[in-house]
């Protein structure tokens, strides 16, 4: 499953010249469903979308709040073309879930969103219709999301959360530079320095506690 999430000041959907849905501040989600997607991928994507931190907090700090934190609206649009594979210059959509199956799956996705968040704040277009989507992107901010490969070990939500936290710790460690322990490991040992200078005696007494 793939999603393109855009932070918006407003967005709307028109079908046949008639506006059928509209939101104010919030996020617009374009969702592409793969033929291999299952309930696990659905739940993963709902969780990521609703917890994605693309808004400022009360102090003006960027990337601090999610759409749920701010109680903003969500507009969802089914977008099978996100599952496109190019054959030369021609789009091919054989990886997208077939229409009949995809409609039921998409409705389940909306139901899960509404169950997790406030149902009156979740809007959507018309599945399978020819739509005009009007998006006023705020920023611009556009985030691409992709669910884990179905059947992979990381498709378990608890394992995913654990791996995400590990990755965040690694990124923080890299940002801070080498740790003290790594500096100690990389530094020349005092025994080596003494040996190279020709010093004699018990070097063990020179070690720091």
N, C-alpha and C. Protein backbone atom coordinates (compact mmCIF):
# COMPACT_ATOMS: atom_id res chain seq x y z
N UNK A 1 0.84 -1.18 0.00
CA UNK A 1 0.00 0.00 0.00
C UNK A 1 0.88 1.24 0.00
N UNK A 2 0.51 2.21 -0.82
CA UNK A 2 1.24 3.45 -0.90
C UNK A 2 0.31 4.63 -0.63
N UNK A 3 0.87 5.66 -0.02
CA UNK A 3 0.07 6.86 0.23
C UNK A 3 0.93 8.09 0.03
N UNK A 4 0.34 9.12 -0.55
CA UNK A 4 0.96 10.44 -0.64
C UNK A 4 0.15 11.35 0.27
N UNK A 5 0.80 11.86 1.30
CA UNK A 5 0.13 12.70 2.30
C UNK A 5 0.58 14.14 2.12
N UNK A 6 -0.38 15.03 1.92
CA UNK A 6 -0.07 16.44 1.74
C UNK A 6 -0.70 17.27 2.86
N UNK A 7 0.11 18.13 3.46
CA UNK A 7 -0.43 19.06 4.45
C UNK A 7 -1.13 20.18 3.70
N UNK A 8 -2.38 20.46 4.07
CA UNK A 8 -3.16 21.42 3.29
C UNK A 8 -3.81 22.47 4.18
N UNK A 9 -4.07 23.63 3.57
CA UNK A 9 -4.90 24.63 4.24
C UNK A 9 -6.37 24.41 3.88
N UNK A 10 -6.59 23.80 2.70
CA UNK A 10 -7.92 23.35 2.32
C UNK A 10 -7.80 22.41 1.12
N UNK A 11 -8.81 21.57 0.96
CA UNK A 11 -8.84 20.63 -0.16
C UNK A 11 -10.29 20.22 -0.41
N UNK A 12 -10.59 19.87 -1.66
CA UNK A 12 -11.96 19.48 -1.99
C UNK A 12 -11.97 18.51 -3.17
N UNK A 13 -13.08 17.82 -3.33
CA UNK A 13 -13.26 16.87 -4.43
C UNK A 13 -14.54 17.22 -5.19
N UNK A 14 -14.42 17.28 -6.52
CA UNK A 14 -15.57 17.58 -7.38
C UNK A 14 -15.79 16.42 -8.34
N UNK A 15 -17.04 16.01 -8.49
CA UNK A 15 -17.42 14.96 -9.45
C UNK A 15 -18.55 15.50 -10.32
N UNK A 16 -18.34 15.51 -11.62
CA UNK A 16 -19.36 16.00 -12.53
C UNK A 16 -19.77 17.44 -12.27
N UNK A 17 -18.80 18.25 -11.87
CA UNK A 17 -19.08 19.66 -11.61
C UNK A 17 -19.67 19.95 -10.25
N UNK A 18 -19.91 18.90 -9.44
CA UNK A 18 -20.51 19.08 -8.12
C UNK A 18 -19.49 18.75 -7.03
N UNK A 19 -19.30 19.66 -6.09
CA UNK A 19 -18.39 19.41 -4.97
C UNK A 19 -19.04 18.43 -4.01
N UNK A 20 -18.33 17.32 -3.74
CA UNK A 20 -18.91 16.29 -2.87
C UNK A 20 -18.25 16.20 -1.50
N UNK A 21 -17.01 16.73 -1.39
CA UNK A 21 -16.30 16.72 -0.11
C UNK A 21 -15.36 17.91 -0.05
N UNK A 22 -15.15 18.42 1.15
CA UNK A 22 -14.21 19.52 1.34
C UNK A 22 -13.73 19.54 2.78
N UNK A 23 -12.47 19.92 2.97
CA UNK A 23 -11.92 20.09 4.32
C UNK A 23 -11.19 21.42 4.41
N UNK A 24 -10.96 21.86 5.63
CA UNK A 24 -10.11 23.02 5.87
C UNK A 24 -8.71 22.55 6.20
N UNK A 25 -8.11 23.08 7.25
CA UNK A 25 -6.74 22.71 7.61
C UNK A 25 -6.66 21.22 7.95
N UNK A 26 -5.65 20.56 7.44
CA UNK A 26 -5.48 19.14 7.73
C UNK A 26 -4.56 18.47 6.73
N UNK A 27 -4.90 17.23 6.37
CA UNK A 27 -4.08 16.49 5.41
C UNK A 27 -4.98 15.87 4.33
N UNK A 28 -4.43 15.81 3.12
CA UNK A 28 -5.09 15.13 2.01
C UNK A 28 -4.28 13.87 1.72
N UNK A 29 -4.95 12.72 1.68
CA UNK A 29 -4.28 11.43 1.51
C UNK A 29 -4.70 10.80 0.19
N UNK A 30 -3.73 10.59 -0.69
CA UNK A 30 -3.94 9.84 -1.93
C UNK A 30 -3.47 8.42 -1.68
N UNK A 31 -4.36 7.44 -1.80
CA UNK A 31 -4.06 6.07 -1.37
C UNK A 31 -4.09 5.10 -2.54
N UNK A 32 -2.98 4.36 -2.72
CA UNK A 32 -2.89 3.34 -3.76
C UNK A 32 -2.82 1.96 -3.13
N UNK A 33 -3.77 1.09 -3.46
CA UNK A 33 -3.87 -0.24 -2.84
C UNK A 33 -3.28 -1.30 -3.75
N UNK A 34 -2.39 -2.10 -3.19
CA UNK A 34 -1.75 -3.18 -3.95
C UNK A 34 -2.59 -4.45 -3.87
N UNK A 35 -2.48 -5.31 -4.88
CA UNK A 35 -3.23 -6.56 -4.87
C UNK A 35 -2.78 -7.51 -3.76
N UNK A 36 -1.60 -7.24 -3.14
CA UNK A 36 -1.10 -8.10 -2.07
C UNK A 36 -1.42 -7.56 -0.67
N UNK A 37 -2.06 -6.40 -0.59
CA UNK A 37 -2.32 -5.79 0.71
C UNK A 37 -3.32 -6.60 1.53
N UNK A 38 -3.09 -6.62 2.85
CA UNK A 38 -3.95 -7.32 3.80
C UNK A 38 -4.35 -6.37 4.91
N UNK A 39 -5.06 -6.89 5.91
CA UNK A 39 -5.49 -6.10 7.05
C UNK A 39 -4.29 -5.52 7.80
N UNK A 40 -3.18 -6.24 7.84
CA UNK A 40 -1.98 -5.74 8.53
C UNK A 40 -1.45 -4.47 7.88
N UNK A 41 -1.39 -4.48 6.55
CA UNK A 41 -0.91 -3.29 5.84
C UNK A 41 -1.89 -2.13 6.04
N UNK A 42 -3.17 -2.44 6.05
CA UNK A 42 -4.19 -1.42 6.26
C UNK A 42 -4.00 -0.74 7.63
N UNK A 43 -3.86 -1.54 8.66
CA UNK A 43 -3.72 -1.00 10.01
C UNK A 43 -2.42 -0.20 10.16
N UNK A 44 -1.37 -0.70 9.53
CA UNK A 44 -0.09 0.02 9.57
C UNK A 44 -0.23 1.40 8.93
N UNK A 45 -0.88 1.48 7.78
CA UNK A 45 -1.01 2.74 7.07
C UNK A 45 -1.90 3.72 7.83
N UNK A 46 -2.98 3.24 8.41
CA UNK A 46 -3.85 4.10 9.21
C UNK A 46 -3.06 4.71 10.38
N UNK A 47 -2.28 3.88 11.04
CA UNK A 47 -1.50 4.35 12.18
C UNK A 47 -0.47 5.41 11.75
N UNK A 48 0.22 5.15 10.63
CA UNK A 48 1.25 6.09 10.17
C UNK A 48 0.64 7.42 9.74
N UNK A 49 -0.48 7.36 9.03
CA UNK A 49 -1.11 8.59 8.54
C UNK A 49 -1.59 9.47 9.70
N UNK A 50 -2.26 8.87 10.66
CA UNK A 50 -2.84 9.65 11.75
C UNK A 50 -1.80 10.16 12.74
N UNK A 51 -0.64 9.51 12.78
CA UNK A 51 0.41 9.92 13.72
C UNK A 51 1.57 10.67 13.06
N UNK A 52 1.46 10.90 11.76
CA UNK A 52 2.52 11.60 11.03
C UNK A 52 2.61 13.05 11.52
N UNK A 53 3.78 13.44 11.98
CA UNK A 53 3.94 14.77 12.59
C UNK A 53 4.38 15.79 11.53
N UNK A 54 3.39 16.50 10.99
CA UNK A 54 3.67 17.49 9.94
C UNK A 54 3.22 18.90 10.34
N UNK A 55 2.76 19.04 11.59
CA UNK A 55 2.27 20.35 12.03
C UNK A 55 3.12 20.91 13.17
N UNK A 56 3.03 22.22 13.34
CA UNK A 56 3.75 22.88 14.43
C UNK A 56 3.00 22.70 15.74
N UNK A 57 3.75 22.81 16.85
CA UNK A 57 3.08 22.82 18.15
C UNK A 57 2.76 24.26 18.55
N UNK A 58 2.27 24.44 19.76
CA UNK A 58 1.84 25.75 20.21
C UNK A 58 2.97 26.77 20.29
N UNK A 59 4.20 26.28 20.45
CA UNK A 59 5.35 27.18 20.55
C UNK A 59 5.98 27.48 19.19
N UNK A 60 5.42 26.88 18.12
CA UNK A 60 5.95 27.11 16.78
C UNK A 60 6.99 26.10 16.34
N UNK A 61 7.22 25.07 17.14
CA UNK A 61 8.20 24.04 16.78
C UNK A 61 7.67 23.19 15.64
N UNK A 62 8.48 23.04 14.59
CA UNK A 62 8.06 22.29 13.40
C UNK A 62 8.08 20.79 13.65
N UNK A 63 7.28 20.06 12.85
CA UNK A 63 7.25 18.60 12.85
C UNK A 63 7.00 18.04 14.25
N UNK A 64 6.07 18.64 14.96
CA UNK A 64 5.83 18.27 16.35
C UNK A 64 4.46 17.65 16.60
N UNK A 65 3.49 17.94 15.76
CA UNK A 65 2.12 17.49 16.02
C UNK A 65 1.52 16.77 14.82
N UNK A 66 0.66 15.80 15.12
CA UNK A 66 -0.05 15.05 14.08
C UNK A 66 -1.41 15.68 13.83
N UNK A 67 -2.11 15.16 12.82
CA UNK A 67 -3.45 15.65 12.52
C UNK A 67 -4.39 15.36 13.70
N UNK A 68 -4.16 14.25 14.40
CA UNK A 68 -4.99 13.95 15.57
C UNK A 68 -4.69 14.90 16.73
N UNK A 69 -3.40 15.22 16.91
CA UNK A 69 -3.03 16.16 17.97
C UNK A 69 -3.73 17.50 17.78
N UNK A 70 -3.81 17.95 16.53
CA UNK A 70 -4.36 19.26 16.23
C UNK A 70 -5.88 19.23 15.99
N UNK A 71 -6.44 18.01 15.94
CA UNK A 71 -7.88 17.86 15.67
C UNK A 71 -8.27 18.49 14.34
N UNK A 72 -7.41 18.27 13.32
CA UNK A 72 -7.68 18.76 11.98
C UNK A 72 -8.40 17.67 11.17
N UNK A 73 -8.75 18.03 9.93
CA UNK A 73 -9.52 17.13 9.07
C UNK A 73 -8.62 16.30 8.15
N UNK A 74 -9.20 15.21 7.64
CA UNK A 74 -8.50 14.32 6.72
C UNK A 74 -9.39 14.09 5.49
N UNK A 75 -8.83 14.30 4.30
CA UNK A 75 -9.54 13.99 3.06
C UNK A 75 -8.82 12.85 2.36
N UNK A 76 -9.51 11.74 2.14
CA UNK A 76 -8.92 10.56 1.51
C UNK A 76 -9.44 10.39 0.09
N UNK A 77 -8.51 10.07 -0.81
CA UNK A 77 -8.85 9.85 -2.22
C UNK A 77 -8.23 8.53 -2.66
N UNK A 78 -9.04 7.62 -3.19
CA UNK A 78 -8.51 6.38 -3.75
C UNK A 78 -7.74 6.71 -5.02
N UNK A 79 -6.49 6.21 -5.12
CA UNK A 79 -5.60 6.60 -6.22
C UNK A 79 -4.83 5.38 -6.71
N UNK A 80 -5.47 4.54 -7.52
CA UNK A 80 -4.83 3.30 -7.97
C UNK A 80 -3.58 3.57 -8.79
N UNK A 81 -3.45 4.76 -9.38
CA UNK A 81 -2.29 5.05 -10.22
C UNK A 81 -0.98 5.11 -9.44
N UNK A 82 -1.06 5.15 -8.10
CA UNK A 82 0.16 5.10 -7.29
C UNK A 82 0.84 3.74 -7.40
N UNK A 83 0.08 2.73 -7.85
CA UNK A 83 0.66 1.39 -8.03
C UNK A 83 1.17 1.19 -9.46
N UNK A 84 1.44 2.29 -10.14
CA UNK A 84 1.90 2.25 -11.53
C UNK A 84 3.30 1.66 -11.68
N UNK A 85 3.47 0.86 -12.73
CA UNK A 85 4.79 0.40 -13.18
C UNK A 85 4.91 0.81 -14.64
N UNK A 86 5.99 1.50 -14.97
CA UNK A 86 6.16 1.96 -16.35
C UNK A 86 6.72 0.87 -17.24
N UNK A 87 6.10 0.71 -18.41
CA UNK A 87 6.63 -0.15 -19.46
C UNK A 87 7.02 0.77 -20.60
N UNK A 88 8.28 1.18 -20.58
CA UNK A 88 8.71 2.25 -21.46
C UNK A 88 8.15 3.54 -20.92
N UNK A 89 7.27 4.17 -21.68
CA UNK A 89 6.60 5.39 -21.22
C UNK A 89 5.13 5.16 -20.90
N UNK A 90 4.68 3.91 -21.04
CA UNK A 90 3.27 3.61 -20.81
C UNK A 90 3.04 3.08 -19.40
N UNK A 91 2.11 3.70 -18.64
CA UNK A 91 1.81 3.20 -17.29
C UNK A 91 1.11 1.84 -17.35
N UNK A 92 1.53 0.97 -16.43
CA UNK A 92 0.90 -0.34 -16.30
C UNK A 92 0.45 -0.49 -14.85
N UNK A 93 -0.79 -0.97 -14.63
CA UNK A 93 -1.36 -0.99 -13.29
C UNK A 93 -1.69 -2.40 -12.81
N UNK A 94 -0.92 -3.40 -13.27
CA UNK A 94 -1.23 -4.78 -12.90
C UNK A 94 -0.97 -5.06 -11.42
N UNK A 95 -0.21 -4.20 -10.75
CA UNK A 95 0.05 -4.40 -9.32
C UNK A 95 -1.07 -3.86 -8.44
N UNK A 96 -1.96 -3.06 -9.00
CA UNK A 96 -3.06 -2.50 -8.23
C UNK A 96 -4.12 -3.57 -7.97
N UNK A 97 -4.77 -3.48 -6.82
CA UNK A 97 -5.83 -4.42 -6.48
C UNK A 97 -7.00 -4.24 -7.45
N UNK A 98 -7.60 -5.33 -7.94
CA UNK A 98 -8.76 -5.23 -8.84
C UNK A 98 -9.89 -4.40 -8.23
N UNK A 99 -10.65 -3.73 -9.10
CA UNK A 99 -11.63 -2.74 -8.67
C UNK A 99 -12.62 -3.24 -7.62
N UNK A 100 -13.24 -4.40 -7.86
CA UNK A 100 -14.27 -4.89 -6.94
C UNK A 100 -13.69 -5.15 -5.54
N UNK A 101 -12.53 -5.77 -5.51
CA UNK A 101 -11.87 -6.07 -4.25
C UNK A 101 -11.34 -4.80 -3.60
N UNK A 102 -10.81 -3.89 -4.41
CA UNK A 102 -10.23 -2.65 -3.90
C UNK A 102 -11.27 -1.75 -3.24
N UNK A 103 -12.48 -1.73 -3.78
CA UNK A 103 -13.52 -0.87 -3.20
C UNK A 103 -13.86 -1.29 -1.78
N UNK A 104 -13.99 -2.60 -1.58
CA UNK A 104 -14.27 -3.12 -0.24
C UNK A 104 -13.10 -2.83 0.70
N UNK A 105 -11.89 -3.00 0.19
CA UNK A 105 -10.69 -2.75 1.00
C UNK A 105 -10.59 -1.27 1.37
N UNK A 106 -10.87 -0.41 0.42
CA UNK A 106 -10.82 1.03 0.66
C UNK A 106 -11.86 1.46 1.69
N UNK A 107 -13.04 0.88 1.62
CA UNK A 107 -14.08 1.19 2.61
C UNK A 107 -13.66 0.73 4.01
N UNK A 108 -12.96 -0.39 4.06
CA UNK A 108 -12.43 -0.87 5.35
C UNK A 108 -11.38 0.09 5.89
N UNK A 109 -10.57 0.63 4.97
CA UNK A 109 -9.56 1.62 5.35
C UNK A 109 -10.22 2.86 5.96
N UNK A 110 -11.27 3.36 5.32
CA UNK A 110 -11.99 4.53 5.84
C UNK A 110 -12.63 4.22 7.19
N UNK A 111 -13.18 3.02 7.31
CA UNK A 111 -13.81 2.61 8.57
C UNK A 111 -12.79 2.58 9.70
N UNK A 112 -11.58 2.07 9.40
CA UNK A 112 -10.53 2.01 10.41
C UNK A 112 -10.06 3.41 10.80
N UNK A 113 -9.96 4.30 9.82
CA UNK A 113 -9.60 5.69 10.11
C UNK A 113 -10.62 6.32 11.06
N UNK A 114 -11.89 6.12 10.75
CA UNK A 114 -12.95 6.73 11.55
C UNK A 114 -13.03 6.12 12.95
N UNK A 115 -12.73 4.83 13.04
CA UNK A 115 -12.74 4.16 14.33
C UNK A 115 -11.59 4.66 15.21
N UNK A 116 -10.44 4.95 14.57
CA UNK A 116 -9.26 5.38 15.31
C UNK A 116 -9.30 6.86 15.65
N UNK A 117 -9.92 7.65 14.78
CA UNK A 117 -9.97 9.10 14.94
C UNK A 117 -11.43 9.51 15.13
N UNK A 118 -11.73 10.78 14.87
CA UNK A 118 -13.10 11.28 14.96
C UNK A 118 -13.78 11.12 13.59
N UNK A 119 -14.83 10.31 13.50
CA UNK A 119 -15.43 10.00 12.19
C UNK A 119 -15.91 11.22 11.42
N UNK A 120 -16.36 12.27 12.11
CA UNK A 120 -16.86 13.45 11.41
C UNK A 120 -15.74 14.26 10.75
N UNK A 121 -14.49 13.96 11.10
CA UNK A 121 -13.35 14.69 10.52
C UNK A 121 -12.71 13.94 9.35
N UNK A 122 -13.23 12.75 9.03
CA UNK A 122 -12.72 11.96 7.91
C UNK A 122 -13.65 12.13 6.71
N UNK A 123 -13.14 12.69 5.62
CA UNK A 123 -13.93 12.88 4.40
C UNK A 123 -13.28 12.06 3.27
N UNK A 124 -14.05 11.80 2.22
CA UNK A 124 -13.46 11.07 1.10
C UNK A 124 -14.16 11.44 -0.20
N UNK A 125 -13.59 10.96 -1.30
CA UNK A 125 -14.17 11.21 -2.61
C UNK A 125 -15.17 10.13 -2.97
N UNK A 126 -15.32 9.85 -4.25
CA UNK A 126 -16.20 8.79 -4.72
C UNK A 126 -15.36 7.72 -5.38
N UNK A 127 -15.33 6.54 -4.81
CA UNK A 127 -14.47 5.47 -5.33
C UNK A 127 -14.81 5.17 -6.78
N UNK A 128 -13.78 5.12 -7.62
CA UNK A 128 -13.94 4.74 -9.01
C UNK A 128 -14.45 5.84 -9.92
N UNK A 129 -14.80 7.00 -9.34
CA UNK A 129 -15.34 8.09 -10.16
C UNK A 129 -14.20 8.91 -10.78
N UNK A 130 -14.55 9.64 -11.84
CA UNK A 130 -13.60 10.59 -12.42
C UNK A 130 -13.71 11.88 -11.60
N UNK A 131 -12.66 12.17 -10.84
CA UNK A 131 -12.71 13.27 -9.87
C UNK A 131 -11.74 14.39 -10.21
N UNK A 132 -12.09 15.58 -9.81
CA UNK A 132 -11.16 16.71 -9.79
C UNK A 132 -10.86 16.99 -8.32
N UNK A 133 -9.58 16.87 -7.98
CA UNK A 133 -9.17 17.07 -6.60
C UNK A 133 -8.43 18.40 -6.50
N UNK A 134 -8.96 19.29 -5.70
CA UNK A 134 -8.36 20.62 -5.54
C UNK A 134 -7.63 20.65 -4.21
N UNK A 135 -6.31 20.84 -4.28
CA UNK A 135 -5.48 20.79 -3.08
C UNK A 135 -4.69 22.08 -2.95
N UNK A 136 -4.82 22.73 -1.82
CA UNK A 136 -3.97 23.89 -1.52
C UNK A 136 -2.92 23.42 -0.52
N UNK A 137 -1.80 23.00 -1.07
CA UNK A 137 -0.72 22.43 -0.26
C UNK A 137 -0.10 23.52 0.61
N UNK A 138 0.09 23.21 1.88
CA UNK A 138 0.60 24.17 2.85
C UNK A 138 2.08 23.90 3.10
N UNK A 139 2.95 24.71 2.53
CA UNK A 139 4.38 24.52 2.78
C UNK A 139 5.28 24.83 1.58
N UNK A 140 5.29 23.98 0.56
CA UNK A 140 4.54 22.74 0.43
C UNK A 140 5.13 21.61 1.29
N UNK A 141 4.26 20.76 1.79
CA UNK A 141 4.68 19.58 2.55
C UNK A 141 4.00 18.37 1.93
N UNK A 142 4.81 17.44 1.41
CA UNK A 142 4.30 16.21 0.81
C UNK A 142 5.16 15.05 1.29
N UNK A 143 4.52 14.05 1.90
CA UNK A 143 5.22 12.89 2.46
C UNK A 143 4.73 11.63 1.78
N UNK A 144 5.67 10.79 1.33
CA UNK A 144 5.31 9.49 0.74
C UNK A 144 5.42 8.41 1.81
N UNK A 145 4.40 7.58 1.90
CA UNK A 145 4.40 6.46 2.83
C UNK A 145 4.20 5.16 2.07
N UNK A 146 4.82 4.09 2.57
CA UNK A 146 4.65 2.79 1.95
C UNK A 146 4.62 1.74 3.06
N UNK A 147 3.65 0.86 3.01
CA UNK A 147 3.55 -0.18 4.03
C UNK A 147 4.63 -1.24 3.80
N UNK A 148 4.96 -2.02 4.84
CA UNK A 148 5.95 -3.08 4.66
C UNK A 148 5.49 -4.10 3.63
N UNK A 149 6.45 -4.83 3.09
CA UNK A 149 6.11 -5.88 2.12
C UNK A 149 5.28 -6.94 2.81
N UNK A 150 4.09 -7.28 2.26
CA UNK A 150 3.25 -8.30 2.90
C UNK A 150 4.01 -9.60 3.12
N UNK A 151 3.86 -10.16 4.33
CA UNK A 151 4.51 -11.42 4.65
C UNK A 151 5.88 -11.26 5.25
N UNK A 152 6.46 -10.06 5.17
CA UNK A 152 7.78 -9.85 5.75
C UNK A 152 7.68 -9.80 7.26
N UNK A 153 8.80 -10.05 7.92
CA UNK A 153 8.80 -10.08 9.39
C UNK A 153 8.40 -8.73 9.97
N UNK A 154 8.72 -7.66 9.25
CA UNK A 154 8.43 -6.32 9.77
C UNK A 154 6.98 -5.93 9.64
N UNK A 155 6.13 -6.82 9.11
CA UNK A 155 4.72 -6.48 9.00
C UNK A 155 3.99 -6.56 10.33
N UNK A 156 4.63 -7.14 11.35
CA UNK A 156 4.04 -7.16 12.67
C UNK A 156 4.14 -5.77 13.30
N UNK A 157 3.02 -5.17 13.75
CA UNK A 157 3.04 -3.79 14.27
C UNK A 157 4.02 -3.59 15.43
N UNK A 158 4.10 -4.56 16.36
CA UNK A 158 5.01 -4.41 17.50
C UNK A 158 6.46 -4.43 17.03
N UNK A 159 6.76 -5.32 16.10
CA UNK A 159 8.13 -5.39 15.57
C UNK A 159 8.47 -4.13 14.81
N UNK A 160 7.49 -3.60 14.06
CA UNK A 160 7.69 -2.36 13.32
C UNK A 160 8.04 -1.22 14.25
N UNK A 161 7.26 -1.11 15.33
CA UNK A 161 7.48 -0.04 16.30
C UNK A 161 8.87 -0.15 16.91
N UNK A 162 9.27 -1.38 17.22
CA UNK A 162 10.59 -1.60 17.79
C UNK A 162 11.70 -1.20 16.82
N UNK A 163 11.55 -1.61 15.56
CA UNK A 163 12.56 -1.27 14.54
C UNK A 163 12.63 0.23 14.30
N UNK A 164 11.47 0.89 14.31
CA UNK A 164 11.44 2.33 14.10
C UNK A 164 12.18 3.05 15.22
N UNK A 165 11.96 2.60 16.48
CA UNK A 165 12.63 3.22 17.61
C UNK A 165 14.14 3.00 17.55
N UNK A 166 14.54 1.78 17.13
CA UNK A 166 15.98 1.50 16.99
C UNK A 166 16.61 2.41 15.95
N UNK A 167 15.88 2.61 14.84
CA UNK A 167 16.39 3.48 13.78
C UNK A 167 16.52 4.91 14.26
N UNK A 168 15.54 5.37 15.05
CA UNK A 168 15.58 6.73 15.58
C UNK A 168 16.77 6.91 16.51
N UNK A 169 17.04 5.89 17.35
CA UNK A 169 18.20 5.97 18.26
C UNK A 169 19.51 6.03 17.48
N UNK A 170 19.58 5.24 16.39
CA UNK A 170 20.79 5.26 15.56
C UNK A 170 21.01 6.64 14.94
N UNK A 171 19.91 7.24 14.46
CA UNK A 171 20.02 8.56 13.83
C UNK A 171 20.45 9.61 14.84
N UNK A 172 19.92 9.52 16.07
CA UNK A 172 20.32 10.47 17.12
C UNK A 172 21.79 10.30 17.47
N UNK A 173 22.24 9.03 17.52
CA UNK A 173 23.64 8.75 17.84
C UNK A 173 24.57 9.32 16.78
N UNK A 174 24.19 9.13 15.49
CA UNK A 174 25.02 9.68 14.41
C UNK A 174 25.06 11.20 14.46
N UNK A 175 23.93 11.80 14.82
CA UNK A 175 23.86 13.26 14.88
C UNK A 175 24.76 13.83 15.97
N UNK A 176 24.88 13.09 17.09
CA UNK A 176 25.69 13.57 18.22
C UNK A 176 27.17 13.30 18.01
N UNK A 177 27.53 12.43 17.08
CA UNK A 177 28.92 12.10 16.86
C UNK A 177 29.30 10.84 17.62
N UNK A 178 30.56 10.44 17.59
CA UNK A 178 30.99 9.21 18.25
C UNK A 178 30.75 9.28 19.74
N UNK A 179 30.33 8.20 20.33
CA UNK A 179 30.11 8.15 21.77
C UNK A 179 31.45 8.06 22.49
N UNK A 180 31.41 8.30 23.81
CA UNK A 180 32.64 8.24 24.60
C UNK A 180 33.24 6.84 24.54
N UNK A 181 32.36 5.81 24.57
CA UNK A 181 32.88 4.45 24.55
C UNK A 181 33.60 4.16 23.24
N UNK A 182 33.06 4.68 22.12
CA UNK A 182 33.72 4.43 20.83
C UNK A 182 35.03 5.19 20.75
N UNK A 183 35.06 6.41 21.37
CA UNK A 183 36.31 7.17 21.39
C UNK A 183 37.39 6.39 22.14
N UNK A 184 36.96 5.77 23.28
CA UNK A 184 37.92 5.01 24.07
C UNK A 184 38.43 3.80 23.29
N UNK A 185 37.51 3.16 22.55
CA UNK A 185 37.93 1.99 21.78
C UNK A 185 38.90 2.35 20.68
N UNK A 186 38.68 3.52 20.06
CA UNK A 186 39.52 3.93 18.93
C UNK A 186 40.83 4.58 19.36
N UNK A 187 40.89 5.07 20.61
CA UNK A 187 42.10 5.73 21.08
C UNK A 187 43.23 4.71 21.29
N UNK A 188 44.50 5.09 21.04
CA UNK A 188 45.62 4.17 21.26
C UNK A 188 45.71 3.81 22.73
N UNK A 189 45.92 2.56 23.04
CA UNK A 189 46.07 2.14 24.42
C UNK A 189 47.39 2.61 24.98
N UNK A 190 47.40 2.91 26.29
CA UNK A 190 48.62 3.45 26.90
C UNK A 190 49.77 2.45 26.84
N UNK A 191 49.40 1.14 26.90
CA UNK A 191 50.47 0.15 26.79
C UNK A 191 51.19 0.27 25.46
N UNK A 192 50.38 0.50 24.38
CA UNK A 192 50.96 0.59 23.05
C UNK A 192 51.87 1.80 22.94
N UNK A 193 51.41 2.94 23.53
CA UNK A 193 52.22 4.16 23.46
C UNK A 193 53.54 3.96 24.20
N UNK A 194 53.45 3.28 25.36
CA UNK A 194 54.67 3.06 26.16
C UNK A 194 55.64 2.16 25.42
N UNK A 195 55.09 1.11 24.81
CA UNK A 195 55.96 0.16 24.11
C UNK A 195 56.66 0.84 22.95
N UNK A 196 55.92 1.69 22.22
CA UNK A 196 56.52 2.32 21.04
C UNK A 196 57.58 3.33 21.43
N UNK A 197 57.49 3.89 22.65
CA UNK A 197 58.48 4.88 23.07
C UNK A 197 59.65 4.24 23.80
N UNK A 198 59.57 2.89 23.99
CA UNK A 198 60.68 2.20 24.64
C UNK A 198 60.59 2.24 26.14
N UNK A 199 59.46 2.67 26.71
CA UNK A 199 59.33 2.74 28.17
C UNK A 199 59.28 1.35 28.74
N UNK A 200 59.78 1.21 29.97
CA UNK A 200 59.78 -0.08 30.64
C UNK A 200 58.99 0.04 31.93
N UNK A 201 58.71 -1.11 32.55
CA UNK A 201 58.00 -1.10 33.83
C UNK A 201 56.57 -1.59 33.68
N UNK A 202 55.88 -1.55 34.79
CA UNK A 202 54.50 -2.03 34.83
C UNK A 202 53.57 -0.92 34.37
N UNK A 203 53.05 -1.09 33.15
CA UNK A 203 52.19 -0.05 32.58
C UNK A 203 50.78 -0.14 33.11
N UNK A 204 50.43 -1.25 33.80
CA UNK A 204 49.07 -1.42 34.28
C UNK A 204 48.74 -0.34 35.32
N UNK A 205 49.73 0.20 36.00
CA UNK A 205 49.48 1.20 37.01
C UNK A 205 49.13 2.55 36.38
N UNK A 206 49.40 2.69 35.07
CA UNK A 206 49.12 3.96 34.41
C UNK A 206 47.69 4.05 33.89
N UNK A 207 46.97 2.94 33.89
CA UNK A 207 45.60 2.94 33.34
C UNK A 207 44.67 3.77 34.21
N UNK A 208 43.77 4.46 33.54
CA UNK A 208 42.75 5.20 34.24
C UNK A 208 41.74 4.24 34.83
N UNK A 209 41.19 4.57 36.01
CA UNK A 209 40.22 3.64 36.62
C UNK A 209 38.97 3.56 35.78
